[in-house]
Amino acid sequence: MTAPTPPLAYPFASEKLDLDPLYAALRREEPLCRVQLPYGEPAWLATRYEDVKVVLGDPRFSRAAAVGRDQPRARPYPAGAGAMISLDPPEHSRLRRLVAKVFTMRRVEQSRPRVRQIANELVDAMVADGAPADFVRDFGLPLPIAVMCELLGVPCEDRTEFRRWADAYLSTSKFTREQVADSRAQLREYVAALTAERRKEPQDDLLSALVAARDAEDRLSEEELLTMAETILVAGHETTATQIPNFVYVLLTNLDQLAALRADLEMVPRAVEELLRYIPAGAGSSQPRYALENVQLGGVTVRAGEPVVVDRSSANRDESIYTNADALDLARREAPHIGFGHGAHHCLGAPLARMELQVTLHTLLTRLPGLRFADSPDDVVWKSGVSTRGPERMPITWDHA
């Protein structure tokens, strides 16, 4: 009898924003394969676009079933049982409805002028200080943090501390388990104190609305309230904080596409979608779904009780869906990407993130002519030990307007 093939070590090795060529081979030859993440039991990995959508959208695959299991994961500890990402409908739907109205297209568009003002103020500060600037420190991080903190109601003077907690929250190996636990406890203590303030003096922010849902409408438990506030604070800015410098890096290393965008700013919304498709922002995947029954997927049978993880970056490069899938094409008009997920757990903040990214590109292209690396792309310092991929430091310069 032939011994079973051992699962592949996952996430796969990758440099900067390159996508490991193993994904393409798996999509062709073994679209559902066995993998072993750093922690937890082995899992199936889905790499094709259509299979990924099935796992994310089919109710036969459950996030709630992962709770209490030794679920596949990149860090020593699993996601908390009370987090929205660990729930299935209808419990997930109940919590999601409480915050969905904040992220509607209408509300997002109402906030666009304020986001544009923040972006211009950050550019003003960079120009005043003079080139070179660290784009991550001076623009990429402060813009989405300011937007999300204003939305939730976090005081401006607390944002630096909040970012430190968020770094630990997202750590895979950058911090020790004890450091992560300490930062999470500090974040919980801070959110609890801020919640108490909103009970005494409600304001026009999301946290006050959540407190009202807890106290007046009895639609949230206290634990749900605090967990939701923490999740929104951290996850609500992280995708954008990662993608803003990623966008700039990719454009500065694809100068033909950058020139086309500079020549036609009407392309910005479409360019945002293509950049979201093209850039692998996550350092692999976790958040497994467990099969509730036997399911045929990718040519194999996923048996009831087995976990499946999906790689959205691989799905977004699926050659059966996208023409010349590994090329950046800002004029692309093909299937929508699944960078923000799919199904019940599709990212609530996607409209806000899209708007922030659109404002970012428009502001940089109009305010900083000749934007370029200060010296070389080799000077970019990349993140390590966290669940997102992107620059940690990126020196840039520009021409005088």
Protein backbone atom coordinates (compact mmCIF):
# COMPACT_ATOMS: atom_id res chain seq x y z
CA MET A 1 0.00 0.00 0.00
CA THR A 2 1.32 3.44 -0.94
CA ALA A 3 1.82 5.75 2.03
CA PRO A 4 -0.41 8.86 1.93
CA THR A 5 1.25 12.03 0.73
CA PRO A 6 2.05 14.27 3.70
CA PRO A 7 0.28 17.64 3.72
CA LEU A 8 2.12 20.63 2.32
CA ALA A 9 3.48 23.17 4.80
CA TYR A 10 1.32 26.28 4.54
CA PRO A 11 1.48 29.29 4.10
CA PHE A 12 3.86 28.90 1.18
CA ALA A 13 7.07 30.89 1.10
CA SER A 14 6.79 34.24 -0.66
CA GLU A 15 8.86 37.37 -1.13
CA LYS A 16 7.44 40.87 -0.89
CA LEU A 17 4.17 40.85 -2.87
CA ASP A 18 5.04 37.96 -5.17
CA LEU A 19 2.62 35.04 -5.30
CA ASP A 20 4.28 31.64 -4.98
CA PRO A 21 4.16 29.78 -8.34
CA LEU A 22 3.02 26.69 -6.44
CA TYR A 23 -0.50 28.17 -6.40
CA ALA A 24 -0.69 28.06 -10.19
CA ALA A 25 0.49 24.45 -10.20
CA LEU A 26 -2.12 23.50 -7.61
CA ARG A 27 -4.92 25.24 -9.52
CA ARG A 28 -3.99 23.14 -12.57
CA GLU A 29 -3.23 19.81 -10.93
CA GLU A 30 -4.62 19.64 -7.38
CA PRO A 31 -7.07 22.48 -6.73
CA LEU A 32 -7.99 21.00 -3.36
CA CYS A 33 -4.89 19.77 -1.54
CA ARG A 34 -3.95 18.82 1.99
CA VAL A 35 -1.97 21.40 3.96
CA GLN A 36 -0.59 21.83 7.45
CA LEU A 37 -0.62 25.29 9.00
CA PRO A 38 1.83 26.15 11.82
CA TYR A 39 -0.80 25.20 14.41
CA GLY A 40 -3.85 22.97 14.50
CA GLU A 41 -5.02 19.96 12.57
CA PRO A 42 -4.39 19.44 8.83
CA ALA A 43 -6.83 21.03 6.41
CA TRP A 44 -7.89 21.12 2.79
CA LEU A 45 -6.73 24.19 0.86
CA ALA A 46 -8.94 25.60 -1.92
CA THR A 47 -7.05 27.58 -4.57
CA ARG A 48 -9.51 28.03 -7.48
CA TYR A 49 -11.91 30.96 -7.74
CA GLU A 50 -15.13 28.93 -7.94
CA ASP A 51 -14.14 26.52 -5.17
CA VAL A 52 -13.19 29.39 -2.88
CA LYS A 53 -16.60 31.00 -3.46
CA VAL A 54 -18.33 27.74 -2.58
CA VAL A 55 -16.45 27.37 0.71
CA LEU A 56 -17.10 31.01 1.64
CA GLY A 57 -20.74 31.09 0.57
CA ASP A 58 -22.21 27.60 0.99
CA PRO A 59 -23.94 26.99 4.36
CA ARG A 60 -22.59 23.43 4.32
CA PHE A 61 -19.30 25.00 5.42
CA SER A 62 -19.37 26.45 8.93
CA ARG A 63 -17.21 28.89 10.86
CA ALA A 64 -19.03 28.22 14.13
CA ALA A 65 -18.07 24.53 13.93
CA ALA A 66 -14.42 25.58 14.34
CA VAL A 67 -15.00 26.78 17.89
CA GLY A 68 -13.60 24.28 20.37
CA ARG A 69 -11.63 22.44 17.67
CA ASP A 70 -7.87 22.43 17.18
CA GLN A 71 -8.53 24.56 14.13
CA PRO A 72 -5.82 25.20 11.51
CA ARG A 73 -4.22 28.59 12.20
CA ALA A 74 -1.07 30.66 11.82
CA ARG A 75 -0.80 31.64 15.50
CA PRO A 76 -0.79 29.62 18.71
CA TYR A 77 -4.26 30.75 19.81
CA PRO A 78 -7.55 30.44 17.89
CA ALA A 79 -9.98 33.27 17.22
CA GLY A 80 -12.24 34.10 20.14
CA ALA A 81 -15.54 32.30 20.27
CA GLY A 82 -17.50 35.56 20.52
CA ALA A 83 -16.01 37.25 17.45
CA MET A 84 -18.30 37.76 14.44
CA ILE A 85 -15.87 35.88 12.23
CA SER A 86 -16.49 32.76 14.37
CA LEU A 87 -20.27 32.77 13.99
CA ASP A 88 -22.71 31.45 11.40
CA PRO A 89 -26.12 32.87 10.50
CA PRO A 90 -28.47 33.63 12.17
CA GLU A 91 -26.25 34.75 15.08
CA HIS A 92 -23.73 36.29 12.70
CA SER A 93 -26.51 38.05 10.79
CA ARG A 94 -27.92 39.55 14.01
CA LEU A 95 -24.57 41.17 14.91
CA ARG A 96 -23.81 42.16 11.34
CA ARG A 97 -27.07 44.08 10.97
CA LEU A 98 -26.16 46.27 13.94
CA VAL A 99 -23.16 47.80 12.17
CA ALA A 100 -24.09 47.33 8.49
CA LYS A 101 -25.95 50.63 8.34
CA VAL A 102 -22.75 52.50 9.18
CA PHE A 103 -21.01 51.10 6.11
CA THR A 104 -23.70 51.69 3.49
CA MET A 105 -22.68 53.36 0.24
CA ARG A 106 -24.66 56.47 1.18
CA ARG A 107 -22.95 56.85 4.56
CA VAL A 108 -19.56 56.16 3.02
CA GLU A 109 -20.05 58.80 0.33
CA GLN A 110 -21.10 61.30 2.99
CA SER A 111 -17.72 60.75 4.67
CA ARG A 112 -15.67 61.12 1.45
CA PRO A 113 -15.06 64.89 1.89
CA ARG A 114 -13.69 64.28 5.41
CA VAL A 115 -11.42 61.48 4.18
CA ARG A 116 -10.22 63.74 1.38
CA GLN A 117 -9.47 66.45 3.96
CA ILE A 118 -7.43 64.01 6.09
CA ALA A 119 -5.50 62.84 3.01
CA ASN A 120 -4.68 66.39 1.98
CA GLU A 121 -3.59 67.31 5.51
CA LEU A 122 -1.22 64.34 5.55
CA VAL A 123 0.23 65.37 2.17
CA ASP A 124 0.57 68.95 3.43
CA ALA A 125 2.57 67.70 6.40
CA MET A 126 4.84 65.57 4.19
CA VAL A 127 5.48 68.48 1.83
CA ALA A 128 6.17 70.83 4.75
CA ASP A 129 8.68 68.40 6.25
CA GLY A 130 10.29 67.83 2.86
CA ALA A 131 11.37 64.74 0.99
CA PRO A 132 12.21 62.00 1.52
CA ALA A 133 9.31 60.74 3.63
CA ASP A 134 8.44 57.36 5.04
CA PHE A 135 5.18 56.79 3.21
CA VAL A 136 3.95 54.12 5.64
CA ARG A 137 4.52 56.26 8.73
CA ASP A 138 3.43 59.56 7.21
CA PHE A 139 0.41 58.54 5.14
CA GLY A 140 -0.33 54.82 4.84
CA LEU A 141 -1.00 54.20 8.52
CA PRO A 142 -2.40 57.52 9.80
CA LEU A 143 -5.14 57.91 7.18
CA PRO A 144 -7.14 54.71 7.84
CA ILE A 145 -6.47 54.90 11.57
CA ALA A 146 -7.86 58.44 11.68
CA VAL A 147 -10.91 57.45 9.64
CA MET A 148 -11.75 54.39 11.72
CA CYS A 149 -11.08 56.06 15.06
CA GLU A 150 -13.32 58.99 14.12
CA LEU A 151 -16.03 56.57 13.02
CA LEU A 152 -15.94 54.58 16.24
CA GLY A 153 -15.16 57.51 18.54
CA VAL A 154 -11.57 56.92 19.66
CA PRO A 155 -9.93 60.17 20.86
CA CYS A 156 -7.11 61.45 18.67
CA GLU A 157 -4.55 61.35 21.48
CA ASP A 158 -5.08 57.59 21.98
CA ARG A 159 -4.40 56.52 18.39
CA THR A 160 -0.70 55.75 18.79
CA GLU A 161 -1.40 53.40 21.66
CA PHE A 162 -4.24 51.84 19.72
CA ARG A 163 -1.90 51.06 16.81
CA ARG A 164 0.49 49.25 19.16
CA TRP A 165 -2.35 47.07 20.41
CA ALA A 166 -3.50 46.38 16.86
CA ASP A 167 0.00 45.22 15.84
CA ALA A 168 -0.02 42.64 18.61
CA TYR A 169 -3.61 41.65 17.78
CA LEU A 170 -2.53 40.74 14.24
CA SER A 171 0.75 39.08 15.19
CA THR A 172 1.60 35.56 14.10
CA SER A 173 5.20 35.46 15.39
CA LYS A 174 6.27 39.11 15.79
CA PHE A 175 5.29 39.10 19.47
CA THR A 176 5.35 36.39 22.12
CA ARG A 177 2.10 34.82 23.23
CA GLU A 178 2.41 36.66 26.55
CA GLN A 179 2.90 40.01 24.79
CA VAL A 180 -0.13 39.38 22.61
CA ALA A 181 -2.25 38.42 25.61
CA ASP A 182 -1.12 41.55 27.47
CA SER A 183 -1.91 43.82 24.51
CA ARG A 184 -5.33 42.23 24.04
CA ALA A 185 -6.08 42.71 27.74
CA GLN A 186 -5.06 46.38 27.49
CA LEU A 187 -7.23 46.84 24.40
CA ARG A 188 -10.19 45.22 26.16
CA GLU A 189 -9.67 47.46 29.21
CA TYR A 190 -9.47 50.55 26.99
CA VAL A 191 -12.62 49.66 25.02
CA ALA A 192 -14.50 48.94 28.25
CA ALA A 193 -13.52 52.34 29.66
CA LEU A 194 -14.52 54.11 26.43
CA THR A 195 -17.83 52.25 26.46
CA ALA A 196 -18.49 53.44 30.01
CA GLU A 197 -17.85 57.02 28.88
CA ARG A 198 -20.37 56.64 26.05
CA ARG A 199 -22.97 55.38 28.50
CA LYS A 200 -22.59 58.59 30.47
CA GLU A 201 -22.26 60.92 27.48
CA PRO A 202 -23.44 59.44 24.16
CA GLN A 203 -21.97 60.95 21.00
CA ASP A 204 -22.58 60.71 17.27
CA ASP A 205 -20.33 57.70 16.71
CA LEU A 206 -20.55 53.97 16.17
CA LEU A 207 -19.61 53.05 19.72
CA SER A 208 -22.51 55.09 21.10
CA ALA A 209 -24.82 53.30 18.67
CA LEU A 210 -23.54 49.92 19.86
CA VAL A 211 -24.01 50.94 23.49
CA ALA A 212 -27.60 51.93 22.68
CA ALA A 213 -28.18 48.55 21.03
CA ARG A 214 -26.84 46.91 24.19
CA ASP A 215 -28.63 49.00 26.80
CA ALA A 216 -31.85 50.28 25.27
CA GLU A 217 -32.65 47.68 22.66
CA ASP A 218 -31.15 44.61 24.38
CA ARG A 219 -29.73 43.27 21.11
CA LEU A 220 -26.16 42.80 22.37
CA SER A 221 -24.62 41.18 25.40
CA GLU A 222 -21.84 43.11 27.13
CA GLU A 223 -19.28 40.60 25.86
CA GLU A 224 -20.60 40.94 22.30
CA LEU A 225 -20.44 44.72 22.55
CA LEU A 226 -16.80 44.80 23.67
CA THR A 227 -15.70 42.10 21.22
CA MET A 228 -17.40 43.84 18.31
CA ALA A 229 -15.84 47.20 19.17
CA GLU A 230 -12.37 45.62 19.35
CA THR A 231 -12.86 43.81 16.05
CA ILE A 232 -14.06 46.93 14.24
CA LEU A 233 -11.16 48.98 15.59
CA VAL A 234 -8.51 46.50 14.49
CA ALA A 235 -9.94 44.89 11.34
CA GLY A 236 -11.68 48.09 10.28
CA HIS A 237 -8.46 49.85 9.39
CA GLU A 238 -5.96 47.04 8.77
CA THR A 239 -6.86 46.12 5.18
CA THR A 240 -6.61 49.74 4.08
CA ALA A 241 -3.48 50.44 6.13
CA THR A 242 -1.84 47.47 4.43
CA GLN A 243 -3.10 48.16 0.92
CA ILE A 244 -2.33 51.89 0.71
CA PRO A 245 1.46 51.33 0.70
CA ASN A 246 1.01 48.14 -1.32
CA PHE A 247 -0.83 50.11 -4.01
CA VAL A 248 1.93 52.70 -4.18
CA TYR A 249 4.68 50.07 -4.27
CA VAL A 250 3.00 48.15 -7.11
CA LEU A 251 2.36 51.31 -9.14
CA LEU A 252 5.95 52.49 -8.69
CA THR A 253 7.16 49.12 -9.95
CA ASN A 254 4.71 49.13 -12.91
CA LEU A 255 5.45 52.53 -14.40
CA ASP A 256 3.48 51.97 -17.61
CA GLN A 257 0.32 51.38 -15.58
CA LEU A 258 1.10 54.37 -13.35
CA ALA A 259 1.51 56.61 -16.42
CA ALA A 260 -1.85 55.46 -17.81
CA LEU A 261 -3.52 56.22 -14.50
CA ARG A 262 -1.93 59.66 -14.24
CA ALA A 263 -3.17 60.42 -17.74
CA ASP A 264 -6.77 59.45 -16.92
CA LEU A 265 -7.88 59.87 -13.31
CA GLU A 266 -11.34 58.60 -14.26
CA MET A 267 -9.68 55.17 -14.16
CA VAL A 268 -9.14 55.38 -10.39
CA PRO A 269 -12.18 53.33 -9.25
CA ARG A 270 -11.42 50.56 -11.74
CA ALA A 271 -7.72 50.72 -10.85
CA VAL A 272 -8.56 50.18 -7.18
CA GLU A 273 -10.45 46.99 -8.04
CA GLU A 274 -7.61 45.64 -10.18
CA LEU A 275 -5.01 46.42 -7.52
CA LEU A 276 -7.16 44.66 -4.92
CA ARG A 277 -7.33 41.64 -7.23
CA TYR A 278 -3.64 41.65 -8.09
CA ILE A 279 -2.03 42.24 -4.70
CA PRO A 280 -1.80 39.29 -2.27
CA ALA A 281 -2.30 41.26 0.95
CA GLY A 282 -2.62 38.27 3.26
CA ALA A 283 0.27 36.09 4.37
CA GLY A 284 -1.73 32.94 3.71
CA SER A 285 -5.14 31.99 5.03
CA SER A 286 -6.67 30.69 8.22
CA GLN A 287 -10.28 31.10 9.47
CA PRO A 288 -11.18 27.55 8.41
CA ARG A 289 -14.68 26.43 7.52
CA TYR A 290 -15.73 22.96 8.66
CA ALA A 291 -17.84 20.76 6.42
CA LEU A 292 -21.19 19.94 8.05
CA GLU A 293 -21.73 17.07 5.62
CA ASN A 294 -19.80 15.34 2.85
CA VAL A 295 -19.23 17.83 0.01
CA GLN A 296 -17.77 17.27 -3.45
CA LEU A 297 -15.30 20.05 -4.11
CA GLY A 298 -12.37 20.44 -6.47
CA GLY A 299 -12.53 16.83 -7.53
CA VAL A 300 -12.39 15.34 -4.01
CA THR A 301 -14.80 14.57 -1.21
CA VAL A 302 -14.48 16.82 1.80
CA ARG A 303 -15.91 14.71 4.59
CA ALA A 304 -18.15 16.00 7.37
CA GLY A 305 -16.01 17.45 10.16
CA GLU A 306 -13.00 18.25 7.96
CA PRO A 307 -11.69 21.85 7.81
CA VAL A 308 -11.09 23.80 4.61
CA VAL A 309 -9.06 27.00 4.28
CA VAL A 310 -9.23 29.17 1.19
CA ASP A 311 -6.60 31.29 -0.47
CA ARG A 312 -8.28 34.36 -1.94
CA SER A 313 -5.03 35.62 -3.47
CA SER A 314 -4.75 32.42 -5.47
CA ALA A 315 -8.42 32.64 -6.48
CA ASN A 316 -7.84 36.19 -7.70
CA ARG A 317 -5.13 34.88 -10.05
CA ASP A 318 -7.22 32.02 -11.44
CA GLU A 319 -6.43 31.71 -15.16
CA SER A 320 -9.87 30.26 -15.87
CA ILE A 321 -11.44 33.51 -14.66
CA TYR A 322 -8.97 36.25 -15.62
CA THR A 323 -7.12 36.83 -18.89
CA ASN A 324 -3.37 37.06 -18.30
CA ALA A 325 -4.14 36.72 -14.60
CA ASP A 326 -0.61 37.38 -13.33
CA ALA A 327 -0.40 40.76 -15.10
CA LEU A 328 -1.51 44.07 -13.65
CA ASP A 329 -4.05 45.66 -16.00
CA LEU A 330 -5.73 48.75 -14.56
CA ALA A 331 -8.23 48.76 -17.42
CA ARG A 332 -9.36 45.18 -16.70
CA ARG A 333 -13.12 44.53 -16.89
CA GLU A 334 -13.59 40.92 -15.82
CA ALA A 335 -15.11 38.99 -12.92
CA PRO A 336 -15.18 40.78 -9.56
CA HIS A 337 -12.30 39.88 -7.26
CA ILE A 338 -12.90 38.24 -3.90
CA GLY A 339 -10.31 40.21 -1.95
CA PHE A 340 -13.02 41.22 0.52
CA GLY A 341 -14.38 37.69 0.77
CA HIS A 342 -17.72 36.30 -0.30
CA GLY A 343 -20.96 35.18 1.29
CA ALA A 344 -22.12 35.89 4.84
CA HIS A 345 -18.67 37.01 5.97
CA HIS A 346 -18.03 39.40 3.07
CA CYS A 347 -16.16 42.35 4.58
CA LEU A 348 -18.60 44.87 6.06
CA GLY A 349 -16.11 47.68 5.64
CA ALA A 350 -15.47 47.05 1.93
CA PRO A 351 -17.30 50.24 0.76
CA LEU A 352 -15.29 52.35 3.22
CA ALA A 353 -11.99 50.71 2.27
CA ARG A 354 -12.70 51.22 -1.45
CA MET A 355 -13.50 54.88 -0.90
CA GLU A 356 -10.33 55.45 1.16
CA LEU A 357 -8.21 53.77 -1.51
CA GLN A 358 -9.83 55.84 -4.26
CA VAL A 359 -9.21 59.06 -2.31
CA THR A 360 -5.63 57.97 -1.68
CA LEU A 361 -4.80 57.42 -5.35
CA HIS A 362 -6.52 60.60 -6.50
CA THR A 363 -4.81 62.69 -3.82
CA LEU A 364 -1.33 61.30 -4.42
CA LEU A 365 -1.56 61.58 -8.21
CA THR A 366 -2.74 65.18 -8.09
CA ARG A 367 -0.73 66.47 -5.12
CA LEU A 368 2.63 64.72 -5.52
CA PRO A 369 3.80 64.86 -9.15
CA GLY A 370 6.70 62.59 -9.90
CA LEU A 371 6.02 60.42 -6.86
CA ARG A 372 8.76 57.75 -6.75
CA PHE A 373 11.00 55.73 -4.48
CA ALA A 374 13.49 57.94 -2.65
CA ASP A 375 16.33 55.79 -3.93
CA SER A 376 15.44 52.21 -4.86
CA PRO A 377 12.62 49.73 -4.26
CA ASP A 378 15.28 47.64 -2.53
CA ASP A 379 15.18 50.15 0.35
CA VAL A 380 11.62 49.16 1.23
CA VAL A 381 11.47 47.26 4.53
CA TRP A 382 8.81 44.57 4.60
CA LYS A 383 6.61 43.37 7.45
CA SER A 384 7.36 40.06 9.11
CA GLY A 385 5.66 38.00 11.76
CA VAL A 386 2.18 39.40 11.08
CA SER A 387 -0.82 38.17 9.12
CA THR A 388 -0.64 40.86 6.42
CA ARG A 389 1.90 41.45 3.66
CA GLY A 390 3.18 44.92 2.92
CA PRO A 391 5.86 47.52 3.56
CA GLU A 392 6.80 48.43 7.11
CA ARG A 393 8.89 51.36 5.88
CA MET A 394 8.91 52.85 2.36
CA PRO A 395 11.05 55.94 1.64
CA ILE A 396 9.56 58.10 -1.14
CA THR A 397 10.19 61.43 -2.79
CA TRP A 398 8.41 63.64 -5.34
CA ASP A 399 8.76 66.72 -7.53
CA HIS A 400 7.66 70.12 -6.35
CA ALA A 401 4.11 70.90 -7.44
